[in-house]
N, C-alpha and C. Protein backbone atom coordinates (compact mmCIF):
# COMPACT_ATOMS: atom_id res chain seq x y z
N UNK A 1 -69.98 -17.44 -24.51
CA UNK A 1 -69.76 -16.89 -25.11
C UNK A 1 -70.07 -17.10 -27.21
N UNK A 2 -69.98 -16.24 -28.03
CA UNK A 2 -71.15 -16.31 -28.76
C UNK A 2 -69.94 -15.85 -30.00
N UNK A 3 -68.70 -16.94 -29.93
CA UNK A 3 -67.98 -16.02 -30.73
C UNK A 3 -68.29 -16.92 -32.64
N UNK A 4 -67.79 -16.55 -33.81
CA UNK A 4 -68.30 -16.22 -35.21
C UNK A 4 -67.01 -17.40 -35.24
N UNK A 5 -67.48 -18.00 -36.88
CA UNK A 5 -66.18 -18.70 -36.54
C UNK A 5 -66.35 -18.45 -38.12
N UNK A 6 -65.11 -18.12 -38.92
CA UNK A 6 -65.02 -17.50 -39.70
C UNK A 6 -64.83 -18.47 -41.09
N UNK A 7 -65.80 -17.80 -42.14
CA UNK A 7 -66.20 -18.42 -43.11
C UNK A 7 -64.96 -19.41 -44.05
N UNK A 8 -65.89 -20.31 -44.60
CA UNK A 8 -65.24 -20.77 -45.55
C UNK A 8 -64.56 -19.75 -47.06
N UNK A 9 -63.48 -20.67 -47.47
CA UNK A 9 -63.69 -19.72 -48.79
C UNK A 9 -64.85 -20.52 -49.70
N UNK A 10 -65.16 -21.36 -49.50
CA UNK A 10 -66.76 -21.94 -50.40
C UNK A 10 -67.60 -21.22 -49.87
N UNK A 11 -68.17 -21.06 -48.96
CA UNK A 11 -68.73 -20.73 -48.93
C UNK A 11 -68.66 -18.49 -49.17
N UNK A 12 -67.59 -17.96 -48.73
CA UNK A 12 -67.63 -17.02 -49.28
C UNK A 12 -67.69 -16.94 -50.98
N UNK A 13 -67.21 -17.90 -51.79
CA UNK A 13 -67.74 -17.96 -52.98
C UNK A 13 -68.85 -17.98 -53.29
N UNK A 14 -69.65 -18.57 -52.94
CA UNK A 14 -71.53 -18.68 -52.64
C UNK A 14 -71.78 -17.56 -52.44
N UNK A 15 -71.60 -16.69 -51.50
CA UNK A 15 -72.16 -15.38 -51.13
C UNK A 15 -71.67 -14.51 -52.33
N UNK A 16 -70.00 -14.51 -52.82
CA UNK A 16 -70.18 -13.58 -53.46
C UNK A 16 -70.96 -13.72 -55.26
N UNK A 17 -71.12 -15.21 -55.89
CA UNK A 17 -71.86 -15.59 -56.58
C UNK A 17 -73.53 -14.95 -56.88
N UNK A 18 -73.83 -15.41 -55.57
CA UNK A 18 -75.24 -14.77 -54.83
C UNK A 18 -75.54 -13.56 -55.14
N UNK A 19 -74.15 -12.37 -54.77
CA UNK A 19 -74.89 -11.14 -54.52
C UNK A 19 -74.61 -10.74 -56.34
N UNK A 20 -73.37 -11.17 -56.96
CA UNK A 20 -73.23 -10.86 -58.25
C UNK A 20 -74.48 -11.15 -58.66
N UNK A 21 -75.73 -12.19 -58.68
CA UNK A 21 -76.41 -12.62 -59.57
C UNK A 21 -77.19 -10.97 -59.59
N UNK A 22 -77.78 -11.22 -58.22
CA UNK A 22 -78.99 -9.93 -57.73
C UNK A 22 -78.21 -9.02 -58.09
N UNK A 23 -76.85 -8.38 -58.33
CA UNK A 23 -76.42 -7.32 -59.03
C UNK A 23 -77.16 -7.44 -60.34
N UNK A 24 -76.61 -8.03 -60.90
CA UNK A 24 -76.95 -8.32 -62.35
C UNK A 24 -78.38 -8.41 -62.84
N UNK A 25 -78.76 -8.75 -62.43
CA UNK A 25 -80.64 -9.16 -62.14
C UNK A 25 -81.32 -7.80 -62.20
N UNK A 26 -80.53 -6.80 -61.13
CA UNK A 26 -81.47 -5.31 -60.84
C UNK A 26 -80.53 -4.86 -62.05
N UNK A 27 -79.51 -4.74 -62.45
CA UNK A 27 -79.19 -4.01 -63.17
C UNK A 27 -79.81 -3.96 -64.79
N UNK A 28 -80.29 -5.46 -65.01
CA UNK A 28 -81.30 -5.81 -66.25
C UNK A 28 -82.38 -5.05 -66.20
N UNK A 29 -83.09 -5.68 -64.63
CA UNK A 29 -85.02 -4.70 -64.27
C UNK A 29 -84.79 -3.49 -64.48
N UNK A 30 -83.91 -2.66 -64.28
CA UNK A 30 -83.66 -1.45 -63.94
C UNK A 30 -83.45 -1.03 -65.94
N UNK A 31 -82.94 -1.96 -66.60
CA UNK A 31 -82.79 -0.88 -67.81
C UNK A 31 -81.69 -0.52 -67.78
N UNK A 32 -80.71 -1.13 -67.21
CA UNK A 32 -79.19 -0.28 -66.90
C UNK A 32 -78.00 -1.20 -67.29
N UNK A 33 -77.04 -1.20 -67.84
CA UNK A 33 -75.84 -1.49 -68.18
C UNK A 33 -74.67 -1.34 -67.27
N UNK A 34 -73.72 -2.40 -67.31
CA UNK A 34 -72.52 -3.04 -66.34
C UNK A 34 -71.84 -1.26 -66.41
N UNK A 35 -71.26 -0.88 -65.51
CA UNK A 35 -69.94 0.12 -65.76
C UNK A 35 -68.99 -0.46 -66.48
N UNK A 36 -68.26 0.50 -67.12
CA UNK A 36 -67.66 0.33 -67.69
C UNK A 36 -66.96 1.33 -68.21
N UNK A 37 -65.96 1.46 -68.97
CA UNK A 37 -64.96 2.49 -69.52
C UNK A 37 -64.48 2.00 -71.29
N UNK A 38 -64.60 2.96 -71.73
CA UNK A 38 -63.81 2.23 -73.17
C UNK A 38 -64.27 0.96 -74.22
N UNK A 39 -65.60 0.69 -73.45
CA UNK A 39 -65.61 -0.61 -74.14
C UNK A 39 -66.04 -1.95 -73.43
N UNK A 40 -65.05 -1.45 -72.16
CA UNK A 40 -64.85 -2.68 -71.42
C UNK A 40 -65.28 -2.66 -69.82
N UNK A 41 -65.68 -3.72 -69.16
CA UNK A 41 -66.68 -3.37 -67.82
C UNK A 41 -65.30 -3.03 -67.04
N UNK A 42 -65.88 -2.67 -65.90
CA UNK A 42 -65.41 -2.21 -64.63
C UNK A 42 -64.99 -2.89 -63.80
N UNK A 43 -64.68 -3.76 -63.20
CA UNK A 43 -64.43 -5.10 -62.48
C UNK A 43 -64.51 -4.16 -61.08
N UNK A 44 -63.91 -2.74 -61.19
CA UNK A 44 -63.52 -2.62 -59.09
C UNK A 44 -65.11 -1.91 -59.15
N UNK A 45 -65.53 -1.41 -60.34
CA UNK A 45 -66.59 -0.52 -59.89
C UNK A 45 -68.19 -1.63 -59.43
N UNK A 46 -68.25 -2.96 -60.20
CA UNK A 46 -69.31 -3.62 -60.26
C UNK A 46 -68.79 -4.28 -58.88
N UNK A 47 -67.73 -4.41 -58.28
CA UNK A 47 -67.23 -5.26 -57.22
C UNK A 47 -67.62 -3.98 -56.08
N UNK A 48 -67.58 -2.48 -56.42
CA UNK A 48 -67.94 -2.09 -55.16
C UNK A 48 -69.36 -2.01 -55.36
N UNK A 49 -70.32 -1.77 -56.46
CA UNK A 49 -71.97 -1.82 -56.22
C UNK A 49 -72.37 -3.35 -56.21
N UNK A 50 -71.79 -4.31 -56.40
CA UNK A 50 -72.08 -5.78 -56.15
C UNK A 50 -71.97 -5.72 -54.22
N UNK A 51 -70.98 -4.87 -53.88
CA UNK A 51 -70.54 -6.05 -52.57
C UNK A 51 -70.22 -6.58 -52.48
N UNK A 52 -68.97 -7.14 -53.23
CA UNK A 52 -68.27 -8.54 -53.37
C UNK A 52 -66.98 -7.77 -53.07
N UNK A 53 -65.55 -8.88 -53.04
CA UNK A 53 -64.44 -8.67 -53.57
C UNK A 53 -64.11 -8.95 -54.94
N UNK A 54 -63.16 -8.14 -55.36
CA UNK A 54 -63.01 -7.64 -56.87
C UNK A 54 -61.87 -8.81 -57.38
N UNK A 55 -61.31 -9.68 -56.02
CA UNK A 55 -60.94 -10.50 -56.90
C UNK A 55 -61.50 -11.42 -57.12
N UNK A 56 -62.68 -11.87 -56.48
CA UNK A 56 -63.77 -12.88 -56.82
C UNK A 56 -63.84 -13.04 -58.25
N UNK A 57 -64.15 -11.48 -58.72
CA UNK A 57 -64.59 -11.29 -60.03
C UNK A 57 -63.41 -11.97 -61.01
N UNK A 58 -62.61 -11.89 -60.77
CA UNK A 58 -61.27 -12.92 -61.21
C UNK A 58 -61.09 -13.98 -61.14
N UNK A 59 -61.54 -14.51 -60.08
CA UNK A 59 -60.76 -15.74 -59.95
C UNK A 59 -61.90 -16.95 -59.71
N UNK A 60 -63.12 -16.50 -59.04
CA UNK A 60 -64.30 -17.32 -59.24
C UNK A 60 -64.99 -17.37 -60.30
N UNK A 61 -64.41 -18.97 -60.73
CA UNK A 61 -64.65 -19.12 -62.09
C UNK A 61 -66.20 -18.49 -62.24
N UNK A 62 -67.58 -19.23 -61.62
CA UNK A 62 -68.77 -19.04 -61.77
C UNK A 62 -68.96 -17.85 -61.39
N UNK A 63 -68.59 -16.54 -61.22
CA UNK A 63 -68.75 -14.95 -60.81
C UNK A 63 -68.21 -14.34 -62.19
N UNK A 64 -66.72 -14.80 -63.00
CA UNK A 64 -66.48 -14.41 -64.33
C UNK A 64 -67.35 -15.05 -65.16
N UNK A 65 -67.64 -15.79 -65.04
CA UNK A 65 -68.52 -17.05 -66.37
C UNK A 65 -69.88 -15.59 -66.51
N UNK A 66 -70.21 -15.33 -65.41
CA UNK A 66 -71.83 -14.54 -65.12
C UNK A 66 -70.88 -13.42 -65.69
N UNK A 67 -70.41 -12.83 -65.20
CA UNK A 67 -69.76 -11.58 -65.66
C UNK A 67 -69.50 -10.94 -67.12
N UNK A 68 -69.19 -11.80 -67.54
CA UNK A 68 -68.94 -12.51 -69.13
C UNK A 68 -69.90 -12.41 -70.51
N UNK A 69 -70.61 -13.28 -69.23
CA UNK A 69 -72.10 -13.35 -70.35
C UNK A 69 -72.86 -12.37 -70.50
N UNK A 70 -73.19 -11.66 -68.96
CA UNK A 70 -73.77 -10.57 -69.08
C UNK A 70 -73.25 -9.21 -70.10
N UNK A 71 -71.76 -9.28 -70.12
CA UNK A 71 -71.08 -8.29 -70.64
C UNK A 71 -71.15 -8.79 -72.27
N UNK A 72 -71.28 -9.50 -72.48
CA UNK A 72 -71.50 -9.90 -73.96
C UNK A 72 -73.51 -9.60 -74.67
N UNK A 73 -74.02 -9.92 -73.41
CA UNK A 73 -75.45 -9.42 -73.84
C UNK A 73 -75.73 -7.88 -73.87
N UNK A 74 -74.75 -7.34 -72.90
CA UNK A 74 -74.71 -5.35 -73.07
C UNK A 74 -74.23 -5.28 -73.97
N UNK A 75 -73.11 -5.89 -74.82
CA UNK A 75 -72.26 -5.20 -75.48
C UNK A 75 -71.25 -4.77 -75.33
N UNK A 76 -70.64 -5.20 -74.14
CA UNK A 76 -69.75 -5.01 -73.39
C UNK A 76 -68.41 -5.87 -73.84
N UNK A 77 -66.83 -5.47 -73.85
CA UNK A 77 -65.88 -6.50 -73.80
C UNK A 77 -65.75 -6.60 -72.14
N UNK A 78 -65.60 -8.45 -71.90
CA UNK A 78 -64.97 -9.07 -70.74
C UNK A 78 -63.67 -8.42 -69.98
N UNK A 79 -63.91 -9.19 -69.15
CA UNK A 79 -62.51 -8.97 -68.12
C UNK A 79 -61.28 -9.31 -69.02
N UNK A 80 -60.55 -8.32 -69.62
CA UNK A 80 -58.95 -8.77 -69.82
C UNK A 80 -58.59 -9.53 -68.65
N UNK A 81 -57.05 -10.16 -69.37
CA UNK A 81 -56.51 -11.12 -68.61
C UNK A 81 -55.23 -9.89 -68.00
N UNK A 82 -55.39 -8.87 -69.38
CA UNK A 82 -54.02 -7.72 -68.72
C UNK A 82 -54.55 -7.16 -67.38
N UNK A 83 -55.76 -6.97 -66.95
CA UNK A 83 -56.37 -6.49 -65.26
C UNK A 83 -55.89 -7.09 -64.50
N UNK A 84 -55.17 -8.50 -64.74
CA UNK A 84 -54.86 -8.54 -64.05
C UNK A 84 -53.41 -9.18 -63.48
N UNK A 85 -52.81 -9.16 -62.55
CA UNK A 85 -51.65 -9.01 -62.15
C UNK A 85 -50.64 -10.03 -63.06
N UNK A 86 -49.53 -9.94 -63.08
CA UNK A 86 -48.74 -10.83 -63.78
C UNK A 86 -47.58 -11.21 -63.22
N UNK A 87 -46.99 -12.39 -63.74
CA UNK A 87 -46.54 -13.05 -62.84
C UNK A 87 -45.06 -12.39 -62.83
N UNK A 88 -44.92 -11.66 -63.75
CA UNK A 88 -43.94 -11.36 -64.11
C UNK A 88 -43.26 -10.10 -62.98
N UNK A 89 -44.51 -9.43 -62.79
CA UNK A 89 -44.33 -8.20 -61.73
C UNK A 89 -43.90 -8.62 -60.62
N UNK A 90 -44.22 -10.26 -60.19
CA UNK A 90 -43.99 -10.69 -58.62
C UNK A 90 -43.08 -10.49 -58.61
N UNK A 91 -41.76 -10.64 -59.35
CA UNK A 91 -40.15 -10.38 -59.22
C UNK A 91 -39.65 -8.83 -58.71
N UNK A 92 -40.11 -7.73 -59.28
CA UNK A 92 -40.07 -6.77 -59.49
C UNK A 92 -40.97 -6.12 -58.22
N UNK A 93 -42.01 -7.04 -57.39
CA UNK A 93 -42.45 -6.69 -56.05
C UNK A 93 -41.78 -6.72 -55.46
N UNK A 94 -41.45 -8.27 -55.48
CA UNK A 94 -40.24 -8.73 -54.20
C UNK A 94 -39.13 -7.93 -54.19
N UNK A 95 -38.69 -7.51 -55.39
CA UNK A 95 -37.12 -6.29 -55.29
C UNK A 95 -37.40 -5.13 -54.89
N UNK A 96 -38.59 -4.74 -54.61
CA UNK A 96 -39.41 -3.55 -53.87
C UNK A 96 -39.39 -3.41 -52.71
N UNK A 97 -40.26 -4.92 -52.28
CA UNK A 97 -40.11 -5.20 -50.91
C UNK A 97 -38.73 -5.04 -49.94
N UNK A 98 -37.56 -5.60 -50.56
CA UNK A 98 -36.76 -6.07 -50.34
C UNK A 98 -36.11 -5.11 -50.20
N UNK A 99 -35.88 -3.61 -51.01
CA UNK A 99 -35.24 -2.64 -50.33
C UNK A 99 -36.32 -1.62 -50.28
N UNK A 100 -37.74 -1.93 -49.92
CA UNK A 100 -38.20 -0.85 -48.79
C UNK A 100 -37.64 -1.75 -47.41
N UNK A 101 -37.59 -2.96 -47.13
CA UNK A 101 -37.46 -3.16 -45.90
C UNK A 101 -36.04 -2.51 -45.36
N UNK A 102 -34.80 -2.70 -46.72
CA UNK A 102 -33.71 -1.99 -45.95
C UNK A 102 -33.59 -0.76 -45.74
N UNK A 103 -34.19 -0.69 -46.43
CA UNK A 103 -34.96 1.46 -46.57
C UNK A 103 -34.96 1.57 -44.76
N UNK A 104 -36.45 0.49 -44.43
CA UNK A 104 -36.61 0.88 -43.33
C UNK A 104 -35.75 0.16 -41.96
N UNK A 105 -34.67 -0.32 -42.12
CA UNK A 105 -34.08 -1.27 -41.23
C UNK A 105 -32.55 0.27 -41.63
N UNK A 106 -32.36 0.70 -42.20
CA UNK A 106 -31.10 1.73 -42.08
C UNK A 106 -31.97 3.08 -41.75
N UNK A 107 -32.96 3.17 -41.93
CA UNK A 107 -33.60 4.77 -41.66
C UNK A 107 -33.73 4.54 -39.73
N UNK A 108 -33.98 3.50 -39.42
CA UNK A 108 -34.07 3.16 -38.01
C UNK A 108 -32.55 3.26 -36.91
N UNK A 109 -31.72 2.37 -38.23
CA UNK A 109 -29.86 2.46 -37.55
C UNK A 109 -29.65 4.00 -37.62
N UNK A 110 -29.70 5.23 -38.70
CA UNK A 110 -29.59 6.09 -38.53
C UNK A 110 -30.22 6.82 -37.38
N UNK A 111 -30.97 6.86 -37.06
CA UNK A 111 -32.50 7.20 -36.23
C UNK A 111 -31.04 7.03 -35.05
N UNK A 112 -31.18 6.01 -34.74
CA UNK A 112 -30.31 5.30 -33.52
C UNK A 112 -29.00 6.34 -33.76
N UNK A 113 -27.81 6.38 -34.47
CA UNK A 113 -26.82 7.01 -34.77
C UNK A 113 -27.07 8.53 -34.23
N UNK A 114 -27.79 9.01 -34.44
CA UNK A 114 -28.01 10.76 -34.65
C UNK A 114 -28.43 10.70 -32.91
N UNK A 115 -29.31 9.77 -32.20
CA UNK A 115 -28.90 9.78 -30.60
C UNK A 115 -27.81 9.93 -30.56
N UNK A 116 -27.55 9.16 -30.61
CA UNK A 116 -25.82 8.53 -29.40
C UNK A 116 -25.16 9.85 -29.97
N UNK A 117 -25.06 10.32 -31.16
CA UNK A 117 -24.04 11.23 -31.18
C UNK A 117 -24.56 12.00 -30.54
N UNK A 118 -25.71 12.62 -30.63
CA UNK A 118 -26.57 13.77 -29.56
C UNK A 118 -26.39 13.64 -28.14
N UNK A 119 -26.16 12.13 -27.89
CA UNK A 119 -25.47 11.93 -26.48
C UNK A 119 -24.01 12.09 -26.08
N UNK A 120 -23.26 12.15 -27.32
CA UNK A 120 -21.77 12.41 -27.25
C UNK A 120 -22.05 13.99 -27.50
N UNK A 121 -22.52 14.95 -27.37
CA UNK A 121 -22.18 16.24 -27.77
C UNK A 121 -22.73 16.22 -26.66
N UNK A 122 -23.68 15.95 -25.69
CA UNK A 122 -24.02 16.37 -24.22
C UNK A 122 -22.69 16.27 -23.57
N UNK A 123 -22.42 14.71 -23.50
CA UNK A 123 -20.66 14.61 -22.66
C UNK A 123 -19.58 15.35 -22.68
N UNK A 124 -19.37 15.53 -24.29
CA UNK A 124 -18.73 16.59 -24.52
C UNK A 124 -18.92 17.97 -23.97
N UNK A 125 -20.19 18.48 -24.15
CA UNK A 125 -20.09 19.82 -23.86
C UNK A 125 -19.89 19.95 -21.92
N UNK A 126 -20.54 18.90 -21.59
CA UNK A 126 -20.32 18.97 -19.90
C UNK A 126 -18.80 18.62 -19.72
N UNK A 127 -17.84 18.14 -20.70
CA UNK A 127 -16.43 17.60 -19.93
C UNK A 127 -15.74 19.28 -20.46
N UNK A 128 -16.26 20.09 -21.22
CA UNK A 128 -15.75 21.34 -21.50
C UNK A 128 -16.54 22.69 -20.74
N UNK A 129 -17.51 22.30 -20.18
CA UNK A 129 -18.23 23.02 -19.06
C UNK A 129 -17.11 22.81 -17.85
N UNK A 130 -16.96 21.31 -17.22
CA UNK A 130 -16.54 21.44 -15.90
C UNK A 130 -14.99 21.03 -15.87
N UNK A 131 -14.26 20.53 -16.79
CA UNK A 131 -13.32 20.12 -16.88
C UNK A 131 -13.20 18.62 -16.24
N UNK A 132 -14.16 18.13 -16.23
CA UNK A 132 -14.30 16.78 -15.79
C UNK A 132 -14.84 15.65 -16.66
N UNK A 133 -14.21 14.64 -16.63
CA UNK A 133 -14.27 13.31 -17.43
C UNK A 133 -15.78 12.66 -17.28
N UNK A 134 -16.24 12.32 -18.04
CA UNK A 134 -17.68 11.84 -18.08
C UNK A 134 -17.37 10.47 -18.83
N UNK A 135 -17.80 9.34 -17.67
CA UNK A 135 -17.32 7.97 -18.47
C UNK A 135 -19.40 7.57 -18.31
N UNK A 136 -19.36 7.14 -20.05
CA UNK A 136 -20.93 6.98 -20.61
C UNK A 136 -21.23 5.59 -19.46
């Protein structure tokens, strides 16, 4: 068996750096700029084009520094902190997840109760039709 071991985060980070550096050099060679909108770089478009994880552009300090430097050279604003998830959203996300779990649980309970009610409806119909009591 030739099973591949998962890559370490350090290895993934190095690969992301290399891919981003290659992408930026290719853009410079072609005379193109970084993809952006309203004077800011688009991290999603860059990640897609460079074949790297978008979060590595935010979290990997080397990737972020390369991107900021390339953006300054091309006259664009870098990645802003507001593009990253804010800590205060964690509470909202946790509350949403809790409510979604409760909704899923209650939905399953409702389906179970409806099935049980349908079963009792069949038992009642049988009792009315035959006059015999059915023990469920």
